[in-house]
Amino acid sequence: MKLFRTMSIVLMLTISVGIIVGSNHSEAVSDPALLRAFPDGEEKTYVSSQYVYEFNSDIVDVNNFGIRLNKEKPWKRIPLEDIRFEDQFLIITPEDPLEFDETYELTIPAYSIELENGKYKQEIEDTFSTETTTLNTLFSKKEYVLQQYLDKASTKDLYFTTPKRYIKAIEIQQKSKDDTAGLTNIDIFVSDSNEINDVQVEIISNGEVLWRRNANATREEDGTVVFSQGFTDMPSIYDVRVRVLDRDRSFHDEVTLKVFEPDEKFNYIEESFDYETTSQTFSLNELIREPDLFEQFLAENSLSRVVVQIGKNKQN
């Protein structure tokens, strides 16, 4: 009887140990899970970022089909340059830097990612926004804003992206007032006219806008698009402000010229605009090391339209 009880106790202990070992083994081989993602949607991200997902096991294979990045409002598919994995990390790289101050959605279909512990069964759908900070905010406001950026990165990793300029030249033909009415014609020559919706011309005197007109577009024989607008009864001294607008009525370029009443019966004014620093990206360190370049940079670009960001790779 004692022997039977002893064997029963041993058997129960053996079964208990087996249950504990089996239980621990089940915990070790857990189901596939996503641990963290960048960006996580809570903070704005940089336009040159890669998008990284970390899982709880090494990645074995990824089915790229169906992985997509889209821009919202207006909708636009964003080409992906590379989808790769290293250990537990899935790394997705867009073909080009994203646009500033826009919202994007990154989608990875369910069962696209195979880990060592099985396939990840959930669809991943992340929405995030890109940041926009202008040079005007950084340099013209309180110093703590610039300090916050310098605390995050060195001057080599702080980049300034200048806007594209469209106005190439402005020609003004004036006929003075004599025995007939005065006449002023303004021609605006632009680049990339297919990106332009309107060219707005304002006549300003003593700080007051006297006239605001959308110039008329004509195409010359060589294909050049010229925007023209005529005016009569002009003041003796005035400013001509020319603005380029896109389809969203956003300003993309602006030039102001000061004009005086002509001494001669006919007067011709021509102003050309050649820029060296527009539509480019410079690091703060690069500008500091080249004072002449920095001076040109400030002269050619409005501080409110130069976008600032932190990033390890210079955009071209």
Protein backbone atom coordinates (compact mmCIF):
# COMPACT_ATOMS: atom_id res chain seq x y z
CA MET A 1 0.00 0.00 0.00
CA LYS A 2 2.84 2.37 0.86
CA LEU A 3 4.57 1.52 -2.43
CA PHE A 4 1.40 2.37 -4.38
CA ARG A 5 1.14 5.75 -2.61
CA THR A 6 4.83 6.49 -3.31
CA MET A 7 4.43 5.70 -7.02
CA SER A 8 1.30 7.86 -7.19
CA ILE A 9 3.15 10.84 -5.71
CA VAL A 10 6.08 10.39 -8.14
CA LEU A 11 3.66 10.17 -11.07
CA MET A 12 1.84 13.32 -9.98
CA LEU A 13 5.13 15.23 -9.60
CA THR A 14 6.24 14.06 -13.05
CA ILE A 15 3.00 15.23 -14.63
CA SER A 16 3.25 18.58 -12.78
CA VAL A 17 6.81 19.16 -14.01
CA GLY A 18 5.73 18.29 -17.54
CA ILE A 19 2.89 20.79 -17.37
CA ILE A 20 5.23 23.54 -16.11
CA VAL A 21 7.84 22.82 -18.80
CA GLY A 22 5.15 22.71 -21.50
CA SER A 23 3.68 25.96 -20.22
CA ASN A 24 7.06 27.74 -20.30
CA HIS A 25 7.74 26.42 -23.80
CA SER A 26 4.40 27.83 -25.01
CA GLU A 27 5.30 31.27 -23.63
CA ALA A 28 8.72 31.19 -25.33
CA VAL A 29 7.16 30.55 -28.74
CA SER A 30 4.65 33.44 -28.74
CA ASP A 31 2.43 34.52 -31.60
CA PRO A 32 3.78 37.02 -34.14
CA ALA A 33 3.40 40.58 -32.84
CA LEU A 34 4.29 44.12 -33.86
CA LEU A 35 6.34 45.74 -31.08
CA ARG A 36 6.70 49.31 -32.36
CA ALA A 37 6.55 51.46 -35.47
CA PHE A 38 8.20 54.65 -36.72
CA PRO A 39 6.53 56.96 -37.38
CA ASP A 40 3.89 56.18 -34.78
CA GLY A 41 1.42 58.86 -35.89
CA GLU A 42 1.68 60.87 -32.68
CA GLU A 43 4.43 63.23 -33.83
CA LYS A 44 5.08 64.79 -37.20
CA THR A 45 7.83 63.11 -39.15
CA TYR A 46 10.54 64.34 -41.49
CA VAL A 47 10.00 64.23 -45.23
CA SER A 48 13.20 62.21 -45.78
CA SER A 49 12.36 59.53 -43.21
CA GLN A 50 12.37 55.78 -43.62
CA TYR A 51 9.49 53.85 -42.09
CA VAL A 52 10.48 51.07 -39.70
CA TYR A 53 8.44 48.29 -38.08
CA GLU A 54 9.87 46.09 -35.32
CA PHE A 55 8.39 42.64 -34.67
CA ASN A 56 8.88 40.16 -31.84
CA SER A 57 10.77 37.67 -34.01
CA ASP A 58 13.21 37.76 -36.91
CA ILE A 59 11.61 38.30 -40.33
CA VAL A 60 11.92 35.40 -42.76
CA ASP A 61 10.17 36.81 -45.82
CA VAL A 62 8.07 39.77 -46.96
CA ASN A 63 5.51 39.81 -49.77
CA ASN A 64 5.91 43.32 -51.23
CA PHE A 65 2.68 43.11 -53.22
CA GLY A 66 0.05 45.35 -51.70
CA ILE A 67 2.40 47.39 -49.54
CA ARG A 68 1.56 50.96 -50.48
CA LEU A 69 2.09 54.55 -49.40
CA ASN A 70 -0.54 57.15 -50.35
CA LYS A 71 -0.86 60.89 -49.86
CA GLU A 72 -4.23 62.15 -48.72
CA LYS A 73 -6.12 65.20 -50.06
CA PRO A 74 -5.51 65.14 -52.94
CA TRP A 75 -4.94 61.38 -53.15
CA LYS A 76 -1.65 60.35 -54.72
CA ARG A 77 0.24 57.04 -54.82
CA ILE A 78 3.83 57.44 -53.62
CA PRO A 79 6.40 55.15 -55.30
CA LEU A 80 8.54 53.06 -52.95
CA GLU A 81 12.25 52.73 -53.67
CA ASP A 82 13.01 49.85 -51.33
CA ILE A 83 11.28 47.35 -49.02
CA ARG A 84 13.77 45.26 -47.05
CA PHE A 85 14.13 43.49 -43.71
CA GLU A 86 16.98 43.07 -41.24
CA ASP A 87 16.52 40.73 -38.25
CA GLN A 88 13.27 41.87 -36.59
CA PHE A 89 12.96 45.12 -38.59
CA LEU A 90 10.98 45.88 -41.75
CA ILE A 91 12.33 49.03 -43.46
CA ILE A 92 10.33 50.91 -46.12
CA THR A 93 11.93 53.75 -48.11
CA PRO A 94 9.99 56.12 -50.43
CA GLU A 95 11.50 56.83 -53.84
CA ASP A 96 11.65 60.60 -53.19
CA PRO A 97 11.35 62.80 -50.10
CA LEU A 98 7.73 63.43 -49.19
CA GLU A 99 6.04 66.83 -49.32
CA PHE A 100 6.04 69.15 -46.35
CA ASP A 101 2.94 69.55 -44.18
CA GLU A 102 0.97 66.69 -45.75
CA THR A 103 -0.81 63.60 -44.42
CA TYR A 104 0.13 60.09 -45.63
CA GLU A 105 -1.17 56.57 -45.10
CA LEU A 106 1.04 53.48 -45.17
CA THR A 107 -0.72 50.11 -45.60
CA ILE A 108 0.71 46.58 -45.24
CA PRO A 109 -1.82 43.81 -45.96
CA ALA A 110 -2.41 40.99 -43.49
CA TYR A 111 -0.16 37.90 -43.91
CA SER A 112 2.43 39.93 -45.89
CA ILE A 113 5.16 39.43 -43.28
CA GLU A 114 6.46 36.00 -42.32
CA LEU A 115 8.38 35.75 -39.05
CA GLU A 116 10.27 32.84 -37.57
CA ASN A 117 7.31 32.28 -35.23
CA GLY A 118 4.68 32.46 -37.98
CA LYS A 119 2.93 34.92 -40.29
CA TYR A 120 1.73 38.29 -38.95
CA LYS A 121 -2.02 38.07 -39.41
CA GLN A 122 -3.02 41.70 -38.91
CA GLU A 123 -3.26 44.47 -41.51
CA ILE A 124 -1.04 47.45 -40.69
CA GLU A 125 -2.54 50.83 -41.55
CA ASP A 126 -0.65 53.87 -40.25
CA THR A 127 -1.52 57.52 -40.83
CA PHE A 128 1.10 60.20 -40.20
CA SER A 129 1.90 63.80 -41.14
CA THR A 130 5.10 65.50 -42.26
CA GLU A 131 6.38 68.55 -40.43
CA THR A 132 6.80 72.13 -41.56
CA THR A 133 8.86 74.71 -39.74
CA THR A 134 9.95 77.83 -41.58
CA LEU A 135 13.18 79.77 -41.29
CA ASN A 136 11.11 82.76 -40.19
CA THR A 137 9.95 80.78 -37.13
CA LEU A 138 13.48 79.65 -36.40
CA PHE A 139 15.35 82.96 -36.70
CA SER A 140 12.77 85.73 -36.32
CA LYS A 141 10.91 84.46 -33.28
CA LYS A 142 12.13 83.58 -29.82
CA GLU A 143 15.59 82.03 -29.55
CA TYR A 144 14.37 78.94 -27.67
CA VAL A 145 12.84 77.57 -30.91
CA LEU A 146 16.24 77.47 -32.61
CA GLN A 147 17.79 76.03 -29.44
CA GLN A 148 15.26 73.19 -29.47
CA TYR A 149 16.40 72.25 -32.97
CA LEU A 150 20.08 72.51 -32.05
CA ASP A 151 19.44 70.25 -29.08
CA LYS A 152 18.09 67.59 -31.47
CA ALA A 153 20.80 67.78 -34.13
CA SER A 154 24.09 69.32 -35.13
CA THR A 155 24.32 72.13 -37.66
CA LYS A 156 25.29 69.48 -40.24
CA ASP A 157 21.93 67.75 -39.79
CA LEU A 158 19.79 70.90 -39.83
CA TYR A 159 18.61 71.54 -43.41
CA PHE A 160 16.97 74.50 -45.14
CA THR A 161 14.95 73.86 -48.30
CA THR A 162 14.30 76.90 -50.49
CA PRO A 163 11.14 77.32 -52.61
CA LYS A 164 10.98 77.09 -56.37
CA ARG A 165 10.82 80.43 -58.20
CA TYR A 166 8.73 80.87 -61.34
CA ILE A 167 9.06 84.52 -62.38
CA LYS A 168 11.94 84.82 -64.86
CA ALA A 169 11.47 88.39 -66.10
CA ILE A 170 9.08 91.34 -66.04
CA GLU A 171 8.81 93.89 -68.86
CA ILE A 172 6.90 97.15 -68.44
CA GLN A 173 6.05 99.43 -71.41
CA GLN A 174 4.81 102.89 -70.46
CA LYS A 175 3.25 105.62 -72.58
CA SER A 176 3.15 108.92 -70.74
CA LYS A 177 0.07 111.09 -70.43
CA ASP A 178 0.09 113.88 -73.04
CA ASP A 179 -2.71 114.59 -75.46
CA THR A 180 -3.94 111.00 -75.11
CA ALA A 181 -4.53 108.72 -72.14
CA GLY A 182 -1.53 107.06 -70.55
CA LEU A 183 -1.06 103.35 -71.04
CA THR A 184 1.03 100.80 -69.15
CA ASN A 185 1.47 97.20 -70.27
CA ILE A 186 3.11 94.58 -68.05
CA ASP A 187 4.47 91.27 -69.42
CA ILE A 188 5.51 88.49 -67.03
CA PHE A 189 7.71 85.65 -68.28
CA VAL A 190 7.55 82.46 -66.22
CA SER A 191 9.04 78.97 -66.08
CA ASP A 192 7.03 75.74 -65.84
CA SER A 193 3.76 77.38 -66.82
CA ASN A 194 1.92 74.05 -66.55
CA GLU A 195 2.33 74.31 -62.75
CA ILE A 196 0.79 77.80 -62.68
CA ASN A 197 -2.91 78.54 -62.49
CA ASP A 198 -2.88 82.35 -62.35
CA VAL A 199 -0.45 85.26 -62.35
CA GLN A 200 -1.83 88.11 -60.29
CA VAL A 201 -0.75 91.74 -60.87
CA GLU A 202 -1.33 94.45 -58.25
CA ILE A 203 -0.75 98.19 -58.63
CA ILE A 204 0.07 99.71 -55.24
CA SER A 205 0.40 103.40 -54.34
CA ASN A 206 1.06 104.78 -50.84
CA GLY A 207 0.49 101.33 -49.39
CA GLU A 208 -2.95 100.97 -50.99
CA VAL A 209 -3.81 98.39 -53.65
CA LEU A 210 -5.39 100.38 -56.48
CA TRP A 211 -5.94 97.50 -58.89
CA ARG A 212 -5.64 93.73 -58.73
CA ARG A 213 -5.94 91.76 -61.96
CA ASN A 214 -5.24 88.21 -63.15
CA ALA A 215 -2.98 88.56 -66.17
CA ASN A 216 -3.93 87.02 -69.52
CA ALA A 217 -1.81 84.11 -70.75
CA THR A 218 -0.58 83.95 -74.35
CA ARG A 219 1.76 81.45 -75.98
CA GLU A 220 4.47 82.78 -78.28
CA GLU A 221 5.78 81.00 -81.40
CA ASP A 222 8.66 79.40 -79.52
CA GLY A 223 6.26 77.93 -76.94
CA THR A 224 7.02 80.47 -74.22
CA VAL A 225 3.98 81.43 -72.14
CA VAL A 226 3.71 85.14 -71.32
CA PHE A 227 1.22 86.64 -68.88
CA SER A 228 0.20 90.20 -69.79
CA GLN A 229 -1.95 92.90 -68.25
CA GLY A 230 -2.61 96.51 -69.28
CA PHE A 231 -3.56 99.52 -67.12
CA THR A 232 -4.52 103.18 -67.70
CA ASP A 233 -4.54 106.28 -65.50
CA MET A 234 -1.55 105.20 -63.42
CA PRO A 235 -0.17 107.30 -60.53
CA SER A 236 3.22 109.02 -60.92
CA ILE A 237 4.94 106.61 -58.50
CA TYR A 238 3.69 103.10 -57.84
CA ASP A 239 4.71 99.51 -57.10
CA VAL A 240 3.95 96.55 -59.32
CA ARG A 241 3.53 93.35 -57.30
CA VAL A 242 3.40 90.11 -59.27
CA ARG A 243 2.30 86.86 -57.65
CA VAL A 244 2.20 83.32 -59.03
CA LEU A 245 -0.67 81.14 -57.81
CA ASP A 246 -1.37 77.43 -58.12
CA ARG A 247 -4.74 75.72 -58.47
CA ASP A 248 -5.28 75.89 -54.69
CA ARG A 249 -4.82 79.68 -54.85
CA SER A 250 -1.59 79.37 -52.89
CA PHE A 251 1.24 81.80 -53.67
CA HIS A 252 4.38 80.19 -55.10
CA ASP A 253 6.41 83.24 -56.12
CA GLU A 254 6.26 86.98 -55.62
CA VAL A 255 8.20 89.97 -56.97
CA THR A 256 7.68 93.72 -56.37
CA LEU A 257 9.07 96.49 -58.60
CA LYS A 258 8.97 100.24 -57.99
CA VAL A 259 7.99 102.30 -61.05
CA PHE A 260 8.14 106.06 -61.73
CA GLU A 261 6.22 108.11 -64.28
CA PRO A 262 8.24 108.17 -67.51
CA ASP A 263 10.18 111.32 -68.45
CA GLU A 264 9.95 110.42 -72.13
CA LYS A 265 6.82 109.81 -74.13
CA PHE A 266 7.57 106.10 -74.14
CA ASN A 267 9.47 104.21 -71.49
CA TYR A 268 10.63 100.60 -71.31
CA ILE A 269 11.64 98.75 -68.12
CA GLU A 270 13.02 95.22 -68.06
CA GLU A 271 13.96 93.25 -64.96
CA SER A 272 15.34 89.70 -65.10
CA PHE A 273 15.62 87.32 -62.17
CA ASP A 274 18.43 84.80 -62.00
CA TYR A 275 18.60 82.85 -58.76
CA GLU A 276 21.47 80.74 -57.44
CA THR A 277 19.98 79.30 -54.26
CA THR A 278 16.32 78.57 -55.07
CA SER A 279 14.76 75.09 -55.15
CA GLN A 280 17.73 73.64 -53.27
CA THR A 281 18.59 72.25 -49.84
CA PHE A 282 21.47 73.53 -47.71
CA SER A 283 22.71 72.47 -44.30
CA LEU A 284 23.12 75.19 -41.68
CA ASN A 285 26.77 74.19 -41.38
CA GLU A 286 27.26 74.70 -45.13
CA LEU A 287 25.77 78.21 -44.98
CA ILE A 288 27.81 79.18 -41.91
CA ARG A 289 31.05 78.11 -43.60
CA GLU A 290 30.30 80.17 -46.73
CA PRO A 291 29.18 83.70 -45.75
CA ASP A 292 28.72 84.84 -49.38
CA LEU A 293 26.45 81.88 -50.04
CA PHE A 294 24.48 82.59 -46.85
CA GLU A 295 24.05 86.24 -47.89
CA GLN A 296 22.83 85.21 -51.34
CA PHE A 297 20.52 82.66 -49.73
CA LEU A 298 18.90 85.32 -47.52
CA ALA A 299 18.63 87.86 -50.36
CA GLU A 300 16.87 85.48 -52.76
CA ASN A 301 14.44 83.72 -50.44
CA SER A 302 11.62 84.82 -48.17
CA LEU A 303 12.22 83.52 -44.63
CA SER A 304 8.57 82.54 -44.36
CA ARG A 305 8.91 80.14 -47.32
CA VAL A 306 12.20 78.41 -46.45
CA VAL A 307 11.37 75.08 -44.82
CA VAL A 308 13.50 73.70 -41.99
CA GLN A 309 13.93 70.09 -41.00
CA ILE A 310 16.30 67.67 -39.33
CA GLY A 311 17.60 64.86 -41.48
CA LYS A 312 20.77 62.88 -42.01
CA ASN A 313 20.52 62.84 -45.79
CA LYS A 314 20.64 66.01 -47.86
CA GLN A 315 17.76 66.31 -50.30
CA ASN A 316 18.43 67.21 -53.89
